[in-house]
Amino acid sequence: MRSLLIGLICIGTIGCGSGAPQDTSSPSEVTLPAPSEPVPEDAQIQVLFIGNSHSASNNLSGMVKYLINQNVSGKKALTERVQRYGFLIDHAVSESTLAHLESRDWTHVVLQAQKYSQSFQVDYPITGALSLIAKIEQTNGQAIMFPEWAQRNRPSETEYIHNIHVNIATQTNACIAPIGYAWERALEIRPDVRLHAADGNHASLLGSFLTALVLFETITGEPADLISPSQEFAIDAETQLFLAQMATYAHAHHPACDY
C-alpha cells in the first residue's frame, strides 16, 4: 500500500520532497497546526483536501489556491486541508475529519488516499470513499477523486489506480482528476523531468505542481495550458508551460466528470 509520511509538511509554496522510507503501518491521528488564515468573505470556490501525505506535500492545497486566484477572473478561492493523515476508510469515521467536512458548505472536496494493492491482488473496500461522497453531495458540494500517480518504475499502476476510482465515480456523482495520466504522459515525453521525490513514491516540487495544475483544471474547467508561468514557484517558465500542457492533455483524453 502507499506509504504514509508522518513528519514535517512543507509550508511554503516552494516545498520539499520526502526521502523517508515507506511506512506501512496503520494510519493514525496526527496533531498539526490548525489553519490560521481568515476565511475571505468573497471566496466563491472553497476546497477541502482529505487524504494523507500525498495531498499534503509541498503545500499542494496552497498551490491550487494560488493558481485559481491568479488565473480565474472574478473568482476567489479558499483551500484547506484536514489536519490528519489517513486512508479514506479511516477518514470516513474520524470525528475530526467529519467535523472539518461539516464546518462549511465546501464547493469542492478532494478525496485522496483510497487504499490499493501494490500486488494488484487485493481489493480494498471503497465504502469509506462512498460514505464521504454521500456527505459531500448532501451539501451540494462536488467530490473530486484524487487517483495517485504510479510509483517510479511501476507504470502499470497508473491505469490500475485510476480504474479503482472509476468504480467509485460510476456509483456517485464524483469527478476524477486525471493526475496519474498527466504524470504518465509527462514522463513519456520528458523522462528527465523529476516528478517523484527521492523515495520514488511521493511527489517532488515538480510533481506537486503538475498535480495542482490537474486539480486546477478539474475544479475550474479552465484549461491549465493557458496559464502563464509565475515567479511564485521555483520552476523555470519552460517547465511550467510543459507541465500545464500535460495537465490539459490528460483532461482531453480522460475528462474528469464523464463517469
Protein backbone atom coordinates (compact mmCIF):
# COMPACT_ATOMS: atom_id res chain seq x y z
CA MET A 1 0.00 0.00 0.00
CA ARG A 2 1.06 3.60 -0.40
CA SER A 3 3.23 4.83 2.43
CA LEU A 4 2.17 7.39 4.99
CA LEU A 5 4.73 10.06 5.67
CA ILE A 6 4.33 11.13 9.27
CA GLY A 7 6.61 14.08 9.52
CA LEU A 8 7.12 17.68 8.58
CA ILE A 9 5.00 19.23 5.88
CA CYS A 10 6.42 21.89 3.60
CA ILE A 11 4.51 25.04 4.40
CA GLY A 12 5.70 27.39 1.68
CA THR A 13 4.89 27.22 -2.00
CA ILE A 14 8.48 26.25 -2.69
CA GLY A 15 8.33 22.88 -0.97
CA CYS A 16 10.33 19.79 -0.38
CA GLY A 17 10.06 16.15 -1.34
CA SER A 18 10.38 13.34 1.14
CA GLY A 19 13.07 10.74 1.02
CA ALA A 20 11.70 8.92 4.04
CA PRO A 21 11.35 5.12 3.85
CA GLN A 22 7.89 3.69 3.36
CA ASP A 23 5.77 3.29 6.44
CA THR A 24 3.21 0.54 6.01
CA SER A 25 1.74 0.87 9.49
CA SER A 26 -1.88 1.79 10.02
CA PRO A 27 -2.69 5.50 9.68
CA SER A 28 -3.03 7.39 12.93
CA GLU A 29 -4.17 10.79 14.12
CA VAL A 30 -1.53 13.49 13.72
CA THR A 31 -1.74 16.81 15.53
CA LEU A 32 -0.74 19.65 13.25
CA PRO A 33 -1.25 23.42 13.45
CA ALA A 34 -4.76 24.50 12.54
CA PRO A 35 -5.16 26.81 9.55
CA SER A 36 -4.58 30.40 10.66
CA GLU A 37 -5.67 32.23 7.51
CA PRO A 38 -9.01 34.03 7.88
CA VAL A 39 -11.77 32.97 5.54
CA PRO A 40 -12.25 35.60 2.81
CA GLU A 41 -15.87 36.62 2.58
CA ASP A 42 -15.70 36.66 -1.23
CA ALA A 43 -14.34 33.12 -1.68
CA GLN A 44 -16.72 31.58 -4.20
CA ILE A 45 -14.56 28.46 -4.55
CA GLN A 46 -13.94 26.66 -1.26
CA VAL A 47 -11.91 23.47 -1.49
CA LEU A 48 -11.22 20.94 1.27
CA PHE A 49 -8.48 18.33 0.89
CA ILE A 50 -8.86 14.98 2.67
CA GLY A 51 -6.10 12.37 2.46
CA ASN A 52 -2.56 11.66 3.58
CA SER A 53 0.95 12.90 2.81
CA HIS A 54 0.45 12.64 -0.96
CA SER A 55 -2.01 15.53 -0.89
CA ALA A 56 -0.08 17.45 1.77
CA SER A 57 3.48 17.56 0.42
CA ASN A 58 4.80 20.82 -1.00
CA ASN A 59 1.73 22.75 0.16
CA LEU A 60 -0.37 21.33 -2.66
CA SER A 61 -3.56 22.98 -1.45
CA GLY A 62 -1.77 26.34 -1.39
CA MET A 63 -0.61 25.82 -4.97
CA VAL A 64 -4.18 25.13 -6.09
CA LYS A 65 -5.44 28.24 -4.32
CA TYR A 66 -2.76 30.40 -5.90
CA LEU A 67 -3.46 29.07 -9.38
CA ILE A 68 -7.19 29.75 -9.06
CA ASN A 69 -6.78 33.21 -7.55
CA GLN A 70 -4.29 34.28 -10.21
CA ASN A 71 -5.94 32.76 -13.26
CA VAL A 72 -9.72 32.72 -12.86
CA SER A 73 -11.23 36.14 -13.41
CA GLY A 74 -13.79 37.20 -10.83
CA LYS A 75 -13.26 34.17 -8.61
CA LYS A 76 -11.51 33.85 -5.26
CA ALA A 77 -10.53 30.55 -3.71
CA LEU A 78 -10.12 29.25 -0.19
CA THR A 79 -8.36 25.93 0.30
CA GLU A 80 -7.89 23.96 3.50
CA ARG A 81 -6.60 20.50 4.33
CA VAL A 82 -7.87 18.20 7.05
CA GLN A 83 -5.08 18.09 9.61
CA ARG A 84 -4.87 14.33 9.69
CA TYR A 85 -3.17 11.64 7.62
CA GLY A 86 -5.19 8.54 6.83
CA PHE A 87 -6.86 6.38 4.22
CA LEU A 88 -10.38 7.32 3.15
CA ILE A 89 -11.78 4.35 5.06
CA ASP A 90 -10.32 5.91 8.23
CA HIS A 91 -11.32 9.49 7.42
CA ALA A 92 -14.91 8.36 6.95
CA VAL A 93 -15.16 7.52 10.67
CA SER A 94 -12.82 10.18 12.04
CA GLU A 95 -14.61 12.72 14.23
CA SER A 96 -12.05 15.41 13.37
CA THR A 97 -12.38 14.82 9.63
CA LEU A 98 -16.17 14.80 9.71
CA ALA A 99 -16.23 17.95 11.84
CA HIS A 100 -14.00 19.71 9.32
CA LEU A 101 -16.16 18.48 6.46
CA GLU A 102 -19.26 19.83 8.19
CA SER A 103 -17.65 23.14 9.17
CA ARG A 104 -18.89 24.86 6.00
CA ASP A 105 -20.57 24.12 2.68
CA TRP A 106 -17.47 23.29 0.65
CA THR A 107 -17.91 23.77 -3.08
CA HIS A 108 -15.33 21.04 -3.77
CA VAL A 109 -13.81 18.28 -1.66
CA VAL A 110 -10.70 16.49 -2.92
CA LEU A 111 -10.54 12.88 -1.74
CA GLN A 112 -7.09 11.27 -1.83
CA ALA A 113 -5.87 8.06 -0.16
CA GLN A 114 -8.12 5.31 -1.43
CA LYS A 115 -6.22 2.22 -0.33
CA TYR A 116 -4.98 -0.04 -3.11
CA SER A 117 -2.86 -3.16 -3.51
CA GLN A 118 0.67 -2.86 -4.90
CA SER A 119 0.42 -6.51 -5.96
CA PHE A 120 -2.95 -5.85 -7.67
CA GLN A 121 -4.23 -8.96 -5.85
CA VAL A 122 -6.27 -7.41 -3.01
CA ASP A 123 -9.49 -5.44 -3.41
CA TYR A 124 -9.66 -2.96 -0.57
CA PRO A 125 -13.11 -1.58 0.35
CA ILE A 126 -14.31 1.66 -1.20
CA THR A 127 -17.01 2.15 1.42
CA GLY A 128 -15.07 5.00 3.08
CA ALA A 129 -14.98 6.96 -0.16
CA LEU A 130 -18.66 6.27 -0.83
CA SER A 131 -19.62 7.42 2.66
CA LEU A 132 -17.66 10.67 2.36
CA ILE A 133 -19.06 11.39 -1.09
CA ALA A 134 -22.61 10.90 0.18
CA LYS A 135 -21.98 13.51 2.88
CA ILE A 136 -20.46 15.90 0.34
CA GLU A 137 -23.43 15.52 -2.00
CA GLN A 138 -25.87 16.31 0.83
CA THR A 139 -24.47 19.86 0.88
CA ASN A 140 -24.36 20.14 -2.93
CA GLY A 141 -20.57 20.02 -2.95
CA GLN A 142 -18.56 18.39 -5.72
CA ALA A 143 -16.43 15.42 -4.72
CA ILE A 144 -13.18 15.12 -6.68
CA MET A 145 -11.33 11.83 -6.56
CA PHE A 146 -7.52 12.03 -6.46
CA PRO A 147 -6.03 8.88 -8.01
CA GLU A 148 -2.33 8.88 -7.18
CA TRP A 149 0.46 8.69 -9.72
CA ALA A 150 2.35 5.46 -10.32
CA GLN A 151 5.43 4.93 -8.22
CA ARG A 152 8.75 5.22 -10.00
CA ASN A 153 9.39 2.31 -12.41
CA ARG A 154 5.86 0.93 -11.87
CA PRO A 155 3.96 2.41 -14.85
CA SER A 156 1.28 -0.27 -14.78
CA GLU A 157 -0.05 1.30 -11.58
CA THR A 158 -1.46 4.30 -13.47
CA GLU A 159 -4.41 2.56 -15.09
CA TYR A 160 -4.94 0.20 -12.16
CA ILE A 161 -5.24 3.04 -9.65
CA HIS A 162 -7.36 5.18 -11.95
CA ASN A 163 -9.82 2.34 -12.55
CA ILE A 164 -10.34 1.87 -8.81
CA HIS A 165 -11.52 5.47 -8.73
CA VAL A 166 -13.68 4.92 -11.82
CA ASN A 167 -15.52 2.26 -9.82
CA ILE A 168 -16.21 4.87 -7.16
CA ALA A 169 -17.22 7.60 -9.62
CA THR A 170 -19.68 5.41 -11.53
CA GLN A 171 -21.58 4.81 -8.28
CA THR A 172 -21.71 8.50 -7.36
CA ASN A 173 -21.51 11.97 -8.88
CA ALA A 174 -17.79 12.28 -8.15
CA CYS A 175 -15.31 13.58 -10.69
CA ILE A 176 -11.83 12.10 -11.15
CA ALA A 177 -8.81 14.37 -11.57
CA PRO A 178 -6.66 12.52 -14.17
CA ILE A 179 -3.48 13.00 -12.17
CA GLY A 180 -1.84 9.68 -12.91
CA TYR A 181 -2.33 10.06 -16.65
CA ALA A 182 -0.81 13.55 -16.61
CA TRP A 183 2.25 12.15 -14.84
CA GLU A 184 2.42 9.22 -17.25
CA ARG A 185 2.34 11.46 -20.34
CA ALA A 186 4.86 13.91 -18.91
CA LEU A 187 7.36 11.14 -18.18
CA GLU A 188 6.82 9.58 -21.61
CA ILE A 189 7.77 12.83 -23.32
CA ARG A 190 10.37 14.08 -20.88
CA PRO A 191 11.75 11.31 -18.67
CA ASP A 192 14.34 13.81 -17.44
CA VAL A 193 11.67 15.75 -15.53
CA ARG A 194 11.86 14.65 -11.91
CA LEU A 195 8.28 14.32 -10.74
CA HIS A 196 8.99 11.86 -7.92
CA ALA A 197 10.69 12.65 -4.65
CA ALA A 198 13.79 10.69 -3.69
CA ASP A 199 11.71 7.83 -2.27
CA GLY A 200 10.15 7.15 -5.68
CA ASN A 201 6.73 7.39 -4.08
CA HIS A 202 5.89 10.94 -3.04
CA ALA A 203 5.91 13.97 -5.32
CA SER A 204 8.79 16.35 -5.83
CA LEU A 205 8.02 20.06 -6.20
CA LEU A 206 7.54 19.50 -9.95
CA GLY A 207 5.24 16.54 -9.30
CA SER A 208 3.11 18.54 -6.88
CA PHE A 209 2.94 21.44 -9.33
CA LEU A 210 1.71 19.13 -12.10
CA THR A 211 -0.85 17.67 -9.69
CA ALA A 212 -2.00 21.18 -8.77
CA LEU A 213 -2.44 22.04 -12.45
CA VAL A 214 -4.62 18.96 -12.99
CA LEU A 215 -6.74 19.84 -9.95
CA PHE A 216 -6.98 23.46 -11.11
CA GLU A 217 -8.49 22.36 -14.42
CA THR A 218 -10.79 19.81 -12.74
CA ILE A 219 -12.13 22.38 -10.26
CA THR A 220 -12.47 25.39 -12.56
CA GLY A 221 -12.94 23.89 -16.01
CA GLU A 222 -10.34 26.37 -17.26
CA PRO A 223 -7.54 24.95 -19.46
CA ALA A 224 -4.33 24.70 -17.49
CA ASP A 225 -2.25 25.17 -20.63
CA LEU A 226 -3.44 28.79 -20.89
CA ILE A 227 -1.87 29.67 -17.52
CA SER A 228 1.12 32.00 -17.77
CA PRO A 229 4.26 30.97 -15.88
CA SER A 230 4.64 32.51 -12.44
CA GLN A 231 7.71 33.52 -10.48
CA GLU A 232 5.91 32.34 -7.35
CA PHE A 233 7.20 28.83 -7.98
CA ALA A 234 10.85 27.78 -8.09
CA ILE A 235 10.25 26.22 -11.51
CA ASP A 236 11.53 27.63 -14.78
CA ALA A 237 8.96 29.03 -17.20
CA GLU A 238 9.55 26.39 -19.87
CA THR A 239 8.90 23.56 -17.44
CA GLN A 240 5.79 25.27 -16.08
CA LEU A 241 4.39 25.54 -19.60
CA PHE A 242 5.23 21.91 -20.36
CA LEU A 243 3.55 20.63 -17.21
CA ALA A 244 0.47 22.76 -17.91
CA GLN A 245 0.23 21.17 -21.36
CA MET A 246 0.42 17.72 -19.76
CA ALA A 247 -2.43 18.59 -17.39
CA THR A 248 -4.67 19.70 -20.24
CA TYR A 249 -3.65 16.68 -22.35
CA ALA A 250 -4.75 14.37 -19.53
CA HIS A 251 -8.12 16.12 -19.27
CA ALA A 252 -8.65 15.93 -23.02
CA HIS A 253 -8.14 12.16 -23.01
CA HIS A 254 -9.68 11.43 -19.60
CA PRO A 255 -12.43 14.01 -18.88
CA ALA A 256 -12.83 14.45 -15.15
CA CYS A 257 -16.58 14.18 -14.81
CA ASP A 258 -17.68 11.86 -17.63
CA TYR A 259 -18.44 8.80 -15.49
